[in-house]
Amino acid sequence: MTSLDNNTAIKDYLPKRLYNIPEAARYLGRTVCAVREMLWAGKIPFVKDGRRIHLDRCDMDRFIESHKTANHF
C-alpha cells in the first residue's frame, strides 16, 4: 500500500454511528440484558428499523455524561 492509498483510506473512514444491542452493550460496559432493560425503561433512546434496534453513539455518550457523579465512596 502506498502512502497515497493509506491517506485515502484514512479520509474514507467513517466512524460507526449506530450500534446494535450487543455492540452497544460492549460500548457501555453492560450486559445485553441490561441494555434491553434500559431501552424498555426509556432510559436511552433507540432507532428502530423494522425489527432491528440500534442505539446512536451520541445518545450513549449523552447517557454516560448525564450519569457521571463526583461523589466519593
C-alpha atoms as a PDB file:
ATOM      1  CA  MET A   1       0.000   0.000   0.000  1.00  0.00           C
ATOM      2  CA  THR A   2       1.440   3.396  -0.956  1.00  0.00           C
ATOM      3  CA  SER A   3       1.204   6.488   1.210  1.00  0.00           C
ATOM      4  CA  LEU A   4      -1.446   7.835  -1.186  1.00  0.00           C
ATOM      5  CA  ASP A   5      -3.570   4.713  -0.664  1.00  0.00           C
ATOM      6  CA  ASN A   6      -3.086   4.999   3.077  1.00  0.00           C
ATOM      7  CA  ASN A   7      -4.187   8.670   3.126  1.00  0.00           C
ATOM      8  CA  THR A   8      -7.231   7.865   1.018  1.00  0.00           C
ATOM      9  CA  ALA A   9      -8.194   5.046   3.371  1.00  0.00           C
ATOM     10  CA  ILE A  10      -7.966   7.414   6.352  1.00  0.00           C
ATOM     11  CA  LYS A  11     -10.128  10.058   4.646  1.00  0.00           C
ATOM     12  CA  ASP A  12     -12.711   7.484   3.541  1.00  0.00           C
ATOM     13  CA  TYR A  13     -13.105   6.037   7.056  1.00  0.00           C
ATOM     14  CA  LEU A  14     -16.451   6.874   8.629  1.00  0.00           C
ATOM     15  CA  PRO A  15     -16.812   6.179  12.331  1.00  0.00           C
ATOM     16  CA  LYS A  16     -19.715   3.934  13.218  1.00  0.00           C
ATOM     17  CA  ARG A  17     -22.763   5.887  14.440  1.00  0.00           C
ATOM     18  CA  LEU A  18     -25.380   3.183  15.080  1.00  0.00           C
ATOM     19  CA  TYR A  19     -24.752   0.111  17.218  1.00  0.00           C
ATOM     20  CA  ASN A  20     -26.891  -2.991  17.574  1.00  0.00           C
ATOM     21  CA  ILE A  21     -27.713  -4.147  21.101  1.00  0.00           C
ATOM     22  CA  PRO A  22     -24.699  -6.476  21.614  1.00  0.00           C
ATOM     23  CA  GLU A  23     -22.323  -3.797  20.275  1.00  0.00           C
ATOM     24  CA  ALA A  24     -23.971  -1.150  22.464  1.00  0.00           C
ATOM     25  CA  ALA A  25     -23.598  -3.434  25.473  1.00  0.00           C
ATOM     26  CA  ARG A  26     -19.849  -3.671  24.846  1.00  0.00           C
ATOM     27  CA  TYR A  27     -19.637   0.106  24.301  1.00  0.00           C
ATOM     28  CA  LEU A  28     -21.473   0.804  27.573  1.00  0.00           C
ATOM     29  CA  GLY A  29     -19.776  -1.961  29.539  1.00  0.00           C
ATOM     30  CA  ARG A  30     -23.129  -3.586  30.322  1.00  0.00           C
ATOM     31  CA  THR A  31     -24.747  -6.914  29.524  1.00  0.00           C
ATOM     32  CA  VAL A  32     -27.134  -7.332  26.610  1.00  0.00           C
ATOM     33  CA  CYS A  33     -29.982  -7.893  29.097  1.00  0.00           C
ATOM     34  CA  ALA A  34     -29.072  -4.696  30.961  1.00  0.00           C
ATOM     35  CA  VAL A  35     -29.147  -2.680  27.734  1.00  0.00           C
ATOM     36  CA  ARG A  36     -32.537  -4.152  26.800  1.00  0.00           C
ATOM     37  CA  GLU A  37     -33.868  -3.209  30.237  1.00  0.00           C
ATOM     38  CA  MET A  38     -32.539   0.337  29.747  1.00  0.00           C
ATOM     39  CA  LEU A  39     -34.377   0.545  26.420  1.00  0.00           C
ATOM     40  CA  TRP A  40     -37.642  -0.817  27.823  1.00  0.00           C
ATOM     41  CA  ALA A  41     -37.444   1.612  30.751  1.00  0.00           C
ATOM     42  CA  GLY A  42     -36.927   4.523  28.354  1.00  0.00           C
ATOM     43  CA  LYS A  43     -33.550   5.415  29.843  1.00  0.00           C
ATOM     44  CA  ILE A  44     -31.888   5.692  26.449  1.00  0.00           C
ATOM     45  CA  PRO A  45     -33.463   6.370  23.037  1.00  0.00           C
ATOM     46  CA  PHE A  46     -33.119   3.974  20.131  1.00  0.00           C
ATOM     47  CA  VAL A  47     -33.605   3.806  16.377  1.00  0.00           C
ATOM     48  CA  LYS A  48     -35.975   1.131  15.148  1.00  0.00           C
ATOM     49  CA  ASP A  49     -35.767  -0.057  11.545  1.00  0.00           C
ATOM     50  CA  GLY A  50     -38.340  -2.768  11.064  1.00  0.00           C
ATOM     51  CA  ARG A  51     -37.477  -5.335  13.727  1.00  0.00           C
ATOM     52  CA  ARG A  52     -33.911  -4.093  14.121  1.00  0.00           C
ATOM     53  CA  ILE A  53     -32.998  -1.871  17.047  1.00  0.00           C
ATOM     54  CA  HIS A  54     -29.948   0.374  17.010  1.00  0.00           C
ATOM     55  CA  LEU A  55     -28.527   2.792  19.536  1.00  0.00           C
ATOM     56  CA  ASP A  56     -26.956   6.047  18.460  1.00  0.00           C
ATOM     57  CA  ARG A  57     -23.409   6.532  19.743  1.00  0.00           C
ATOM     58  CA  CYS A  58     -24.227  10.186  20.538  1.00  0.00           C
ATOM     59  CA  ASP A  59     -27.178   9.102  22.718  1.00  0.00           C
ATOM     60  CA  MET A  60     -24.994   6.573  24.531  1.00  0.00           C
ATOM     61  CA  ASP A  61     -22.337   9.236  25.138  1.00  0.00           C
ATOM     62  CA  ARG A  62     -25.042  11.616  26.417  1.00  0.00           C
ATOM     63  CA  PHE A  63     -26.332   8.872  28.751  1.00  0.00           C
ATOM     64  CA  ILE A  64     -22.822   8.319  30.104  1.00  0.00           C
ATOM     65  CA  GLU A  65     -22.234  12.047  30.653  1.00  0.00           C
ATOM     66  CA  SER A  66     -25.593  12.548  32.368  1.00  0.00           C
ATOM     67  CA  HIS A  67     -24.928   9.698  34.810  1.00  0.00           C
ATOM     68  CA  LYS A  68     -21.454  10.754  35.912  1.00  0.00           C
ATOM     69  CA  THR A  69     -21.094  11.668  39.543  1.00  0.00           C
ATOM     70  CA  ALA A  70     -18.424  13.406  41.567  1.00  0.00           C
ATOM     71  CA  ASN A  71     -19.419  11.706  44.815  1.00  0.00           C
ATOM     72  CA  HIS A  72     -16.773   9.692  46.552  1.00  0.00           C
ATOM     73  CA  PHE A  73     -17.450   6.381  48.249  1.00  0.00           C
END
